[in-house]
């Protein structure tokens, strides 16, 4: 309801219209039902920008009044596509026109999902999603824009819980080094992972390390998704805030610890000193504190930024 039809749509509608008219003229029982989608995120952004021009936000209006404002906008500006269909002469059944947020359709969707759940055909559980901390909404993969940027890789030491351990050559190691572009997510780590065939570390699988800045111990696990040639060959597993880590955490039954609130601040699962901090402020504090615990910062060209294509805000993966 936020867009317009283009030449591709016109071609597609011409084919559908020709087929519908053909079968109707043959006397077949024919019905072409028109309908439009609500385009939730794009619509919300348009209405929020209108409110910003008036010096307001959706929080000033409250949920009920904001929803009413969205419906007002839909009724006045959301019929562009159906007007185009009328101009093209689509032989649809206009009395049967539907909108995805109509009460009747919403009820059918709810009933269908409840029925599928009760029949054991779908389940309800936690999943990792792209989260927009500005809109406070999950974002479809189709609406995510990724770009590579110059950034930094922080190298951090996780000391062994039982004291120094021998490396593959018998030399003492204080702990395991990892490299990350998002050091603030270490507060939610569930494990460190190495490749099961990596001669440097496979004898350490099953050992525990102390999680820096937190009063927790996490295990060293083996998983073949680890790239032995990248960084130190040891990676941190943060199941609730990274898609690769999420899959690994599921395979090994690791805890999914969410440390971000809906607006990307540290929640009560983080250390007391970090709670309430914005994710970037938490990053600065993590790095400042970790400098005293054998960490370093190096430039890298592998920093991936994910943004919402509509709102342009940087996303935060979360369960």
C-alpha atoms as a PDB file:
ATOM      1  CA  UNK A   1       0.000   0.000   0.000  1.00  0.00           C
ATOM      2  CA  UNK A   2       3.063   2.258  -0.007  1.00  0.00           C
ATOM      3  CA  UNK A   3       4.165   1.610  -3.578  1.00  0.00           C
ATOM      4  CA  UNK A   4       3.117   1.823  -7.208  1.00  0.00           C
ATOM      5  CA  UNK A   5       2.867  -0.720  -9.996  1.00  0.00           C
ATOM      6  CA  UNK A   6       5.630  -0.750 -12.620  1.00  0.00           C
ATOM      7  CA  UNK A   7       5.935  -2.202 -16.143  1.00  0.00           C
ATOM      8  CA  UNK A   8       6.581  -5.697 -14.781  1.00  0.00           C
ATOM      9  CA  UNK A   9       3.327  -5.570 -12.827  1.00  0.00           C
ATOM     10  CA  UNK A  10       1.485  -4.242 -15.895  1.00  0.00           C
ATOM     11  CA  UNK A  11       2.737  -7.201 -17.958  1.00  0.00           C
ATOM     12  CA  UNK A  12       1.775  -9.675 -15.227  1.00  0.00           C
ATOM     13  CA  UNK A  13      -1.682  -8.122 -14.768  1.00  0.00           C
ATOM     14  CA  UNK A  14      -2.272  -8.243 -18.541  1.00  0.00           C
ATOM     15  CA  UNK A  15      -1.671 -12.005 -18.532  1.00  0.00           C
ATOM     16  CA  UNK A  16      -3.885 -12.561 -15.480  1.00  0.00           C
ATOM     17  CA  UNK A  17      -6.636 -10.386 -16.940  1.00  0.00           C
ATOM     18  CA  UNK A  18      -6.533 -12.210 -20.299  1.00  0.00           C
ATOM     19  CA  UNK A  19      -6.740 -15.625 -18.580  1.00  0.00           C
ATOM     20  CA  UNK A  20      -9.575 -14.481 -16.313  1.00  0.00           C
ATOM     21  CA  UNK A  21     -11.604 -13.067 -19.206  1.00  0.00           C
ATOM     22  CA  UNK A  22     -10.939 -16.174 -21.328  1.00  0.00           C
ATOM     23  CA  UNK A  23     -12.242 -18.578 -18.685  1.00  0.00           C
ATOM     24  CA  UNK A  24     -15.157 -16.302 -17.843  1.00  0.00           C
ATOM     25  CA  UNK A  25     -16.205 -16.236 -21.533  1.00  0.00           C
ATOM     26  CA  UNK A  26     -15.984 -20.041 -21.620  1.00  0.00           C
ATOM     27  CA  UNK A  27     -18.554 -20.149 -18.832  1.00  0.00           C
ATOM     28  CA  UNK A  28     -16.113 -21.376 -16.181  1.00  0.00           C
ATOM     29  CA  UNK A  29     -16.720 -20.441 -12.536  1.00  0.00           C
ATOM     30  CA  UNK A  30     -14.186 -17.566 -12.456  1.00  0.00           C
ATOM     31  CA  UNK A  31     -13.236 -15.131  -9.699  1.00  0.00           C
ATOM     32  CA  UNK A  32     -10.233 -12.790  -9.589  1.00  0.00           C
ATOM     33  CA  UNK A  33      -9.938 -11.472  -6.035  1.00  0.00           C
ATOM     34  CA  UNK A  34      -8.034  -8.175  -5.624  1.00  0.00           C
ATOM     35  CA  UNK A  35      -6.032  -7.459  -2.496  1.00  0.00           C
ATOM     36  CA  UNK A  36      -3.279  -5.262  -1.104  1.00  0.00           C
ATOM     37  CA  UNK A  37      -0.569  -5.833   1.493  1.00  0.00           C
ATOM     38  CA  UNK A  38      -0.011  -3.598   4.518  1.00  0.00           C
ATOM     39  CA  UNK A  39       3.782  -3.169   4.041  1.00  0.00           C
ATOM     40  CA  UNK A  40       4.130  -2.702   7.791  1.00  0.00           C
ATOM     41  CA  UNK A  41       7.639  -1.271   8.210  1.00  0.00           C
ATOM     42  CA  UNK A  42       7.503   1.025   5.179  1.00  0.00           C
ATOM     43  CA  UNK A  43       4.104   2.343   6.260  1.00  0.00           C
ATOM     44  CA  UNK A  44       5.262   2.946   9.821  1.00  0.00           C
ATOM     45  CA  UNK A  45       8.269   4.911   8.591  1.00  0.00           C
ATOM     46  CA  UNK A  46       6.129   7.157   6.367  1.00  0.00           C
ATOM     47  CA  UNK A  47       3.723   7.965   9.204  1.00  0.00           C
ATOM     48  CA  UNK A  48       6.539   8.482  11.722  1.00  0.00           C
ATOM     49  CA  UNK A  49       8.203  10.976   9.401  1.00  0.00           C
ATOM     50  CA  UNK A  50       4.919  12.873   9.140  1.00  0.00           C
ATOM     51  CA  UNK A  51       4.794  12.990  12.941  1.00  0.00           C
ATOM     52  CA  UNK A  52       8.411  14.175  13.113  1.00  0.00           C
ATOM     53  CA  UNK A  53       7.523  17.077  10.821  1.00  0.00           C
ATOM     54  CA  UNK A  54       4.896  18.017  13.404  1.00  0.00           C
ATOM     55  CA  UNK A  55       7.399  17.688  16.253  1.00  0.00           C
ATOM     56  CA  UNK A  56       5.861  14.446  17.566  1.00  0.00           C
ATOM     57  CA  UNK A  57       6.768  10.778  17.853  1.00  0.00           C
ATOM     58  CA  UNK A  58       4.664   7.642  18.008  1.00  0.00           C
ATOM     59  CA  UNK A  59       5.430   7.451  21.724  1.00  0.00           C
ATOM     60  CA  UNK A  60       3.795  10.845  22.223  1.00  0.00           C
ATOM     61  CA  UNK A  61       0.602   9.530  20.612  1.00  0.00           C
ATOM     62  CA  UNK A  62       0.515   6.144  22.321  1.00  0.00           C
ATOM     63  CA  UNK A  63      -0.237   2.843  20.590  1.00  0.00           C
ATOM     64  CA  UNK A  64      -3.997   3.378  20.065  1.00  0.00           C
ATOM     65  CA  UNK A  65      -3.695   6.853  18.547  1.00  0.00           C
ATOM     66  CA  UNK A  66      -0.675   5.899  16.450  1.00  0.00           C
ATOM     67  CA  UNK A  67      -2.532   2.932  14.951  1.00  0.00           C
ATOM     68  CA  UNK A  68      -5.459   5.281  14.179  1.00  0.00           C
ATOM     69  CA  UNK A  69      -3.009   7.651  12.446  1.00  0.00           C
ATOM     70  CA  UNK A  70      -1.704   4.765  10.309  1.00  0.00           C
ATOM     71  CA  UNK A  71      -5.241   3.806   9.278  1.00  0.00           C
ATOM     72  CA  UNK A  72      -5.982   7.429   8.371  1.00  0.00           C
ATOM     73  CA  UNK A  73      -2.934   7.506   6.135  1.00  0.00           C
ATOM     74  CA  UNK A  74      -3.894   4.165   4.572  1.00  0.00           C
ATOM     75  CA  UNK A  75      -7.394   5.431   3.758  1.00  0.00           C
ATOM     76  CA  UNK A  76      -6.155   8.630   2.116  1.00  0.00           C
ATOM     77  CA  UNK A  77      -2.923   7.556   0.409  1.00  0.00           C
ATOM     78  CA  UNK A  78      -2.864   3.785   0.338  1.00  0.00           C
ATOM     79  CA  UNK A  79      -5.029   3.091  -2.710  1.00  0.00           C
ATOM     80  CA  UNK A  80      -2.542   4.008  -5.453  1.00  0.00           C
ATOM     81  CA  UNK A  81      -2.150   0.428  -6.639  1.00  0.00           C
ATOM     82  CA  UNK A  82      -5.880  -0.283  -6.856  1.00  0.00           C
ATOM     83  CA  UNK A  83      -6.392   2.959  -8.791  1.00  0.00           C
ATOM     84  CA  UNK A  84      -3.746   1.814 -11.257  1.00  0.00           C
ATOM     85  CA  UNK A  85      -5.500  -1.550 -11.590  1.00  0.00           C
ATOM     86  CA  UNK A  86      -8.749   0.254 -12.401  1.00  0.00           C
ATOM     87  CA  UNK A  87      -7.045   2.400 -15.040  1.00  0.00           C
ATOM     88  CA  UNK A  88      -5.594  -0.730 -16.658  1.00  0.00           C
ATOM     89  CA  UNK A  89      -9.069  -2.255 -16.759  1.00  0.00           C
ATOM     90  CA  UNK A  90      -8.346  -5.323 -14.618  1.00  0.00           C
ATOM     91  CA  UNK A  91     -11.522  -7.401 -14.554  1.00  0.00           C
ATOM     92  CA  UNK A  92     -11.293  -8.198 -10.854  1.00  0.00           C
ATOM     93  CA  UNK A  93     -14.252  -8.572  -8.516  1.00  0.00           C
ATOM     94  CA  UNK A  94     -14.036  -5.282  -6.616  1.00  0.00           C
ATOM     95  CA  UNK A  95     -16.765  -6.239  -4.091  1.00  0.00           C
ATOM     96  CA  UNK A  96     -14.373  -8.986  -2.946  1.00  0.00           C
ATOM     97  CA  UNK A  97     -11.407  -6.615  -2.401  1.00  0.00           C
ATOM     98  CA  UNK A  98      -9.304  -7.466   0.646  1.00  0.00           C
ATOM     99  CA  UNK A  99      -6.614  -5.743   2.685  1.00  0.00           C
ATOM    100  CA  UNK A 100      -4.236  -7.891   4.748  1.00  0.00           C
ATOM    101  CA  UNK A 101      -5.062  -6.078   7.997  1.00  0.00           C
ATOM    102  CA  UNK A 102      -8.852  -6.362   7.622  1.00  0.00           C
ATOM    103  CA  UNK A 103     -10.415  -7.815  10.760  1.00  0.00           C
ATOM    104  CA  UNK A 104     -11.791 -10.833   8.878  1.00  0.00           C
ATOM    105  CA  UNK A 105      -8.403 -11.766   7.422  1.00  0.00           C
ATOM    106  CA  UNK A 106      -6.625 -11.204  10.739  1.00  0.00           C
ATOM    107  CA  UNK A 107      -9.054 -13.602  12.391  1.00  0.00           C
ATOM    108  CA  UNK A 108      -8.486 -16.240   9.706  1.00  0.00           C
ATOM    109  CA  UNK A 109      -4.695 -15.945  10.098  1.00  0.00           C
ATOM    110  CA  UNK A 110      -4.942 -16.320  13.874  1.00  0.00           C
ATOM    111  CA  UNK A 111      -7.269 -19.324  13.616  1.00  0.00           C
ATOM    112  CA  UNK A 112      -5.005 -20.974  11.026  1.00  0.00           C
ATOM    113  CA  UNK A 113      -1.847 -20.620  13.114  1.00  0.00           C
ATOM    114  CA  UNK A 114      -3.606 -21.864  16.264  1.00  0.00           C
ATOM    115  CA  UNK A 115      -4.952 -24.865  14.352  1.00  0.00           C
ATOM    116  CA  UNK A 116      -1.533 -25.713  12.904  1.00  0.00           C
ATOM    117  CA  UNK A 117       0.016 -25.400  16.392  1.00  0.00           C
ATOM    118  CA  UNK A 118      -2.622 -27.625  18.003  1.00  0.00           C
ATOM    119  CA  UNK A 119      -2.063 -30.245  15.297  1.00  0.00           C
ATOM    120  CA  UNK A 120       1.679 -30.227  15.963  1.00  0.00           C
ATOM    121  CA  UNK A 121       2.539 -28.962  12.480  1.00  0.00           C
ATOM    122  CA  UNK A 122       4.260 -25.792  13.723  1.00  0.00           C
ATOM    123  CA  UNK A 123       5.961 -24.926  17.007  1.00  0.00           C
ATOM    124  CA  UNK A 124       6.598 -21.799  19.007  1.00  0.00           C
ATOM    125  CA  UNK A 125      10.156 -21.074  20.060  1.00  0.00           C
ATOM    126  CA  UNK A 126      12.939 -18.521  20.163  1.00  0.00           C
ATOM    127  CA  UNK A 127      14.589 -17.627  16.876  1.00  0.00           C
ATOM    128  CA  UNK A 128      17.319 -15.170  15.985  1.00  0.00           C
ATOM    129  CA  UNK A 129      16.005 -12.166  14.037  1.00  0.00           C
ATOM    130  CA  UNK A 130      17.270  -8.938  12.526  1.00  0.00           C
ATOM    131  CA  UNK A 131      16.166  -6.326  15.053  1.00  0.00           C
ATOM    132  CA  UNK A 132      15.761  -2.606  14.375  1.00  0.00           C
ATOM    133  CA  UNK A 133      16.336  -0.756  17.682  1.00  0.00           C
ATOM    134  CA  UNK A 134      14.806   2.448  16.264  1.00  0.00           C
ATOM    135  CA  UNK A 135      11.551   0.949  14.999  1.00  0.00           C
ATOM    136  CA  UNK A 136      11.671  -1.704  17.753  1.00  0.00           C
ATOM    137  CA  UNK A 137      10.612  -4.320  15.236  1.00  0.00           C
ATOM    138  CA  UNK A 138      11.951  -7.466  13.625  1.00  0.00           C
ATOM    139  CA  UNK A 139      13.098  -6.927  10.045  1.00  0.00           C
ATOM    140  CA  UNK A 140      12.804  -9.425   7.184  1.00  0.00           C
ATOM    141  CA  UNK A 141      16.017 -10.642   5.555  1.00  0.00           C
ATOM    142  CA  UNK A 142      14.680  -9.066   2.337  1.00  0.00           C
ATOM    143  CA  UNK A 143      14.766  -5.638   4.011  1.00  0.00           C
ATOM    144  CA  UNK A 144      18.366  -5.924   5.237  1.00  0.00           C
ATOM    145  CA  UNK A 145      21.181  -4.156   3.405  1.00  0.00           C
ATOM    146  CA  UNK A 146      24.709  -5.400   4.147  1.00  0.00           C
ATOM    147  CA  UNK A 147      27.905  -3.556   3.294  1.00  0.00           C
ATOM    148  CA  UNK A 148      31.564  -4.139   4.025  1.00  0.00           C
ATOM    149  CA  UNK A 149      33.342  -1.306   5.851  1.00  0.00           C
ATOM    150  CA  UNK A 150      36.756  -0.634   7.249  1.00  0.00           C
ATOM    151  CA  UNK A 151      36.606  -1.364  10.938  1.00  0.00           C
ATOM    152  CA  UNK A 152      38.513  -2.817  13.846  1.00  0.00           C
ATOM    153  CA  UNK A 153      39.101  -6.283  15.202  1.00  0.00           C
ATOM    154  CA  UNK A 154      39.549  -6.544  18.947  1.00  0.00           C
ATOM    155  CA  UNK A 155      41.791  -9.401  20.137  1.00  0.00           C
ATOM    156  CA  UNK A 156      40.918 -10.503  23.664  1.00  0.00           C
ATOM    157  CA  UNK A 157      42.424 -13.084  26.001  1.00  0.00           C
ATOM    158  CA  UNK A 158      40.092 -15.516  27.809  1.00  0.00           C
ATOM    159  CA  UNK A 159      42.211 -16.993  30.650  1.00  0.00           C
ATOM    160  CA  UNK A 160      41.942 -20.696  31.487  1.00  0.00           C
ATOM    161  CA  UNK A 161      39.850 -21.309  34.604  1.00  0.00           C
ATOM    162  CA  UNK A 162      42.355 -23.882  35.926  1.00  0.00           C
ATOM    163  CA  UNK A 163      45.453 -21.801  35.270  1.00  0.00           C
ATOM    164  CA  UNK A 164      47.898 -21.946  32.328  1.00  0.00           C
ATOM    165  CA  UNK A 165      47.619 -24.962  30.017  1.00  0.00           C
ATOM    166  CA  UNK A 166      50.229 -26.485  27.656  1.00  0.00           C
ATOM    167  CA  UNK A 167      49.964 -25.699  23.955  1.00  0.00           C
ATOM    168  CA  UNK A 168      50.658 -28.267  21.211  1.00  0.00           C
ATOM    169  CA  UNK A 169      54.418 -27.814  21.794  1.00  0.00           C
ATOM    170  CA  UNK A 170      54.227 -28.096  25.561  1.00  0.00           C
ATOM    171  CA  UNK A 171      54.641 -24.354  26.190  1.00  0.00           C
ATOM    172  CA  UNK A 172      52.398 -22.758  28.815  1.00  0.00           C
ATOM    173  CA  UNK A 173      49.404 -20.733  27.585  1.00  0.00           C
ATOM    174  CA  UNK A 174      47.568 -18.243  29.826  1.00  0.00           C
ATOM    175  CA  UNK A 175      44.359 -18.649  27.864  1.00  0.00           C
ATOM    176  CA  UNK A 176      42.645 -18.504  24.484  1.00  0.00           C
ATOM    177  CA  UNK A 177      42.762 -15.472  22.201  1.00  0.00           C
ATOM    178  CA  UNK A 178      39.716 -14.541  20.149  1.00  0.00           C
ATOM    179  CA  UNK A 179      39.135 -11.775  17.615  1.00  0.00           C
ATOM    180  CA  UNK A 180      35.809  -9.939  17.257  1.00  0.00           C
ATOM    181  CA  UNK A 181      34.363  -6.835  15.604  1.00  0.00           C
ATOM    182  CA  UNK A 182      31.678  -6.557  18.304  1.00  0.00           C
ATOM    183  CA  UNK A 183      33.406  -6.868  21.680  1.00  0.00           C
ATOM    184  CA  UNK A 184      30.272  -5.788  23.596  1.00  0.00           C
ATOM    185  CA  UNK A 185      28.607  -9.114  22.690  1.00  0.00           C
ATOM    186  CA  UNK A 186      31.199 -10.981  24.754  1.00  0.00           C
ATOM    187  CA  UNK A 187      28.921 -10.315  27.728  1.00  0.00           C
ATOM    188  CA  UNK A 188      26.576 -12.944  26.244  1.00  0.00           C
ATOM    189  CA  UNK A 189      29.164 -15.566  25.217  1.00  0.00           C
ATOM    190  CA  UNK A 190      28.221 -19.188  25.797  1.00  0.00           C
ATOM    191  CA  UNK A 191      31.449 -20.901  24.693  1.00  0.00           C
ATOM    192  CA  UNK A 192      34.675 -20.669  22.707  1.00  0.00           C
ATOM    193  CA  UNK A 193      34.920 -22.874  19.624  1.00  0.00           C
ATOM    194  CA  UNK A 194      37.861 -24.388  17.742  1.00  0.00           C
ATOM    195  CA  UNK A 195      37.993 -26.685  14.727  1.00  0.00           C
ATOM    196  CA  UNK A 196      37.994 -30.377  15.819  1.00  0.00           C
ATOM    197  CA  UNK A 197      41.042 -31.101  13.615  1.00  0.00           C
ATOM    198  CA  UNK A 198      43.091 -28.080  14.675  1.00  0.00           C
ATOM    199  CA  UNK A 199      46.259 -29.564  16.170  1.00  0.00           C
ATOM    200  CA  UNK A 200      46.896 -26.366  18.159  1.00  0.00           C
ATOM    201  CA  UNK A 201      43.750 -26.626  20.253  1.00  0.00           C
ATOM    202  CA  UNK A 202      42.029 -29.997  20.024  1.00  0.00           C
ATOM    203  CA  UNK A 203      43.635 -31.189  23.257  1.00  0.00           C
ATOM    204  CA  UNK A 204      41.976 -28.221  25.014  1.00  0.00           C
ATOM    205  CA  UNK A 205      38.411 -29.125  24.033  1.00  0.00           C
ATOM    206  CA  UNK A 206      36.382 -29.622  27.214  1.00  0.00           C
ATOM    207  CA  UNK A 207      38.455 -27.161  29.242  1.00  0.00           C
ATOM    208  CA  UNK A 208      36.898 -24.001  30.642  1.00  0.00           C
ATOM    209  CA  UNK A 209      37.896 -20.354  30.392  1.00  0.00           C
ATOM    210  CA  UNK A 210      36.875 -17.344  32.472  1.00  0.00           C
ATOM    211  CA  UNK A 211      34.636 -14.955  30.572  1.00  0.00           C
ATOM    212  CA  UNK A 212      36.250 -11.499  30.884  1.00  0.00           C
ATOM    213  CA  UNK A 213      34.158  -8.847  32.665  1.00  0.00           C
ATOM    214  CA  UNK A 214      31.654 -11.499  33.810  1.00  0.00           C
ATOM    215  CA  UNK A 215      31.595 -13.918  36.721  1.00  0.00           C
ATOM    216  CA  UNK A 216      31.079 -16.954  34.490  1.00  0.00           C
ATOM    217  CA  UNK A 217      33.033 -19.873  33.119  1.00  0.00           C
ATOM    218  CA  UNK A 218      32.405 -21.060  29.560  1.00  0.00           C
ATOM    219  CA  UNK A 219      33.578 -24.281  27.852  1.00  0.00           C
ATOM    220  CA  UNK A 220      35.858 -24.777  24.862  1.00  0.00           C
ATOM    221  CA  UNK A 221      33.982 -26.791  22.226  1.00  0.00           C
ATOM    222  CA  UNK A 222      34.854 -28.242  18.809  1.00  0.00           C
ATOM    223  CA  UNK A 223      32.841 -27.407  15.692  1.00  0.00           C
ATOM    224  CA  UNK A 224      33.861 -27.690  12.055  1.00  0.00           C
ATOM    225  CA  UNK A 225      32.282 -24.347  11.103  1.00  0.00           C
ATOM    226  CA  UNK A 226      35.339 -22.631  12.618  1.00  0.00           C
ATOM    227  CA  UNK A 227      37.824 -21.322  10.047  1.00  0.00           C
ATOM    228  CA  UNK A 228      41.254 -22.400  11.293  1.00  0.00           C
ATOM    229  CA  UNK A 229      42.987 -19.825   9.085  1.00  0.00           C
ATOM    230  CA  UNK A 230      41.013 -16.823  10.346  1.00  0.00           C
ATOM    231  CA  UNK A 231      42.451 -14.884  13.269  1.00  0.00           C
ATOM    232  CA  UNK A 232      43.663 -17.166  16.004  1.00  0.00           C
ATOM    233  CA  UNK A 233      41.480 -20.071  14.888  1.00  0.00           C
ATOM    234  CA  UNK A 234      39.386 -19.700  18.033  1.00  0.00           C
ATOM    235  CA  UNK A 235      35.996 -17.937  17.990  1.00  0.00           C
ATOM    236  CA  UNK A 236      33.541 -16.887  20.642  1.00  0.00           C
ATOM    237  CA  UNK A 237      30.009 -18.282  20.434  1.00  0.00           C
ATOM    238  CA  UNK A 238      27.265 -15.751  21.176  1.00  0.00           C
ATOM    239  CA  UNK A 239      24.144 -17.686  20.240  1.00  0.00           C
ATOM    240  CA  UNK A 240      21.589 -14.946  20.866  1.00  0.00           C
ATOM    241  CA  UNK A 241      23.354 -12.240  18.828  1.00  0.00           C
ATOM    242  CA  UNK A 242      24.955 -13.823  15.729  1.00  0.00           C
ATOM    243  CA  UNK A 243      23.399 -16.057  13.063  1.00  0.00           C
ATOM    244  CA  UNK A 244      26.408 -18.385  12.651  1.00  0.00           C
ATOM    245  CA  UNK A 245      26.787 -18.609  16.413  1.00  0.00           C
ATOM    246  CA  UNK A 246      23.064 -19.324  16.794  1.00  0.00           C
ATOM    247  CA  UNK A 247      23.331 -22.456  14.649  1.00  0.00           C
ATOM    248  CA  UNK A 248      26.453 -23.589  16.526  1.00  0.00           C
ATOM    249  CA  UNK A 249      24.816 -22.950  19.921  1.00  0.00           C
ATOM    250  CA  UNK A 250      21.839 -25.059  18.897  1.00  0.00           C
ATOM    251  CA  UNK A 251      24.079 -27.940  17.834  1.00  0.00           C
ATOM    252  CA  UNK A 252      25.874 -27.941  21.193  1.00  0.00           C
ATOM    253  CA  UNK A 253      22.972 -27.049  23.493  1.00  0.00           C
ATOM    254  CA  UNK A 254      24.560 -23.792  24.621  1.00  0.00           C
ATOM    255  CA  UNK A 255      22.552 -21.133  26.492  1.00  0.00           C
ATOM    256  CA  UNK A 256      21.020 -18.303  24.432  1.00  0.00           C
ATOM    257  CA  UNK A 257      21.791 -15.246  26.535  1.00  0.00           C
ATOM    258  CA  UNK A 258      20.179 -12.030  25.297  1.00  0.00           C
ATOM    259  CA  UNK A 259      21.976  -8.952  26.654  1.00  0.00           C
ATOM    260  CA  UNK A 260      20.240  -6.228  24.645  1.00  0.00           C
ATOM    261  CA  UNK A 261      16.950  -4.507  25.363  1.00  0.00           C
ATOM    262  CA  UNK A 262      14.574  -3.649  22.505  1.00  0.00           C
ATOM    263  CA  UNK A 263      16.402  -0.328  22.034  1.00  0.00           C
ATOM    264  CA  UNK A 264      19.862  -1.964  22.047  1.00  0.00           C
ATOM    265  CA  UNK A 265      20.886  -1.155  25.613  1.00  0.00           C
ATOM    266  CA  UNK A 266      22.491  -3.665  27.972  1.00  0.00           C
ATOM    267  CA  UNK A 267      19.826  -5.484  29.997  1.00  0.00           C
ATOM    268  CA  UNK A 268      19.979  -7.185  33.392  1.00  0.00           C
ATOM    269  CA  UNK A 269      21.822 -10.199  31.950  1.00  0.00           C
ATOM    270  CA  UNK A 270      24.909  -8.012  31.642  1.00  0.00           C
ATOM    271  CA  UNK A 271      27.255  -7.007  34.470  1.00  0.00           C
ATOM    272  CA  UNK A 272      25.866  -4.352  36.816  1.00  0.00           C
ATOM    273  CA  UNK A 273      28.360  -1.729  35.614  1.00  0.00           C
ATOM    274  CA  UNK A 274      27.110  -2.096  32.026  1.00  0.00           C
ATOM    275  CA  UNK A 275      23.349  -2.213  32.508  1.00  0.00           C
ATOM    276  CA  UNK A 276      21.498   0.572  30.741  1.00  0.00           C
ATOM    277  CA  UNK A 277      24.423   1.479  28.485  1.00  0.00           C
ATOM    278  CA  UNK A 278      23.847   1.867  24.743  1.00  0.00           C
ATOM    279  CA  UNK A 279      25.571  -0.901  22.747  1.00  0.00           C
ATOM    280  CA  UNK A 280      28.262   1.464  21.453  1.00  0.00           C
ATOM    281  CA  UNK A 281      28.928   2.934  24.905  1.00  0.00           C
ATOM    282  CA  UNK A 282      29.142  -0.615  26.225  1.00  0.00           C
ATOM    283  CA  UNK A 283      31.664  -1.398  23.480  1.00  0.00           C
ATOM    284  CA  UNK A 284      33.878   1.489  24.545  1.00  0.00           C
ATOM    285  CA  UNK A 285      33.738   0.426  28.192  1.00  0.00           C
ATOM    286  CA  UNK A 286      34.400  -3.234  27.333  1.00  0.00           C
ATOM    287  CA  UNK A 287      37.449  -2.233  25.305  1.00  0.00           C
ATOM    288  CA  UNK A 288      38.718   0.212  27.920  1.00  0.00           C
ATOM    289  CA  UNK A 289      38.410  -2.404  30.660  1.00  0.00           C
ATOM    290  CA  UNK A 290      39.800  -5.239  28.549  1.00  0.00           C
ATOM    291  CA  UNK A 291      42.962  -3.260  27.745  1.00  0.00           C
ATOM    292  CA  UNK A 292      44.073  -4.093  31.252  1.00  0.00           C
ATOM    293  CA  UNK A 293      43.385  -7.783  30.570  1.00  0.00           C
ATOM    294  CA  UNK A 294      45.629  -8.513  27.571  1.00  0.00           C
ATOM    295  CA  UNK A 295      43.570  -7.215  24.660  1.00  0.00           C
ATOM    296  CA  UNK A 296      44.478  -5.275  21.535  1.00  0.00           C
ATOM    297  CA  UNK A 297      42.743  -3.436  18.681  1.00  0.00           C
ATOM    298  CA  UNK A 298      43.747  -3.776  15.025  1.00  0.00           C
ATOM    299  CA  UNK A 299      42.256  -2.363  11.795  1.00  0.00           C
ATOM    300  CA  UNK A 300      40.388  -4.798   9.562  1.00  0.00           C
ATOM    301  CA  UNK A 301      38.499  -4.716   6.267  1.00  0.00           C
ATOM    302  CA  UNK A 302      35.905  -7.332   7.155  1.00  0.00           C
ATOM    303  CA  UNK A 303      33.480  -5.344   9.255  1.00  0.00           C
ATOM    304  CA  UNK A 304      29.931  -5.973   7.986  1.00  0.00           C
ATOM    305  CA  UNK A 305      27.269  -3.342   8.639  1.00  0.00           C
ATOM    306  CA  UNK A 306      23.627  -4.431   8.367  1.00  0.00           C
ATOM    307  CA  UNK A 307      20.990  -1.741   7.978  1.00  0.00           C
ATOM    308  CA  UNK A 308      17.239  -1.714   7.550  1.00  0.00           C
ATOM    309  CA  UNK A 309      16.593  -0.753   3.916  1.00  0.00           C
ATOM    310  CA  UNK A 310      13.654   1.416   4.988  1.00  0.00           C
ATOM    311  CA  UNK A 311      14.726   3.084   8.239  1.00  0.00           C
ATOM    312  CA  UNK A 312      18.514   3.020   7.563  1.00  0.00           C
ATOM    313  CA  UNK A 313      19.208   2.187  11.211  1.00  0.00           C
ATOM    314  CA  UNK A 314      21.990  -0.279  12.006  1.00  0.00           C
ATOM    315  CA  UNK A 315      20.457  -3.594  13.049  1.00  0.00           C
ATOM    316  CA  UNK A 316      21.102  -5.687  16.119  1.00  0.00           C
ATOM    317  CA  UNK A 317      20.689  -9.471  15.858  1.00  0.00           C
ATOM    318  CA  UNK A 318      18.805 -10.851  18.841  1.00  0.00           C
ATOM    319  CA  UNK A 319      16.615 -13.706  20.045  1.00  0.00           C
END
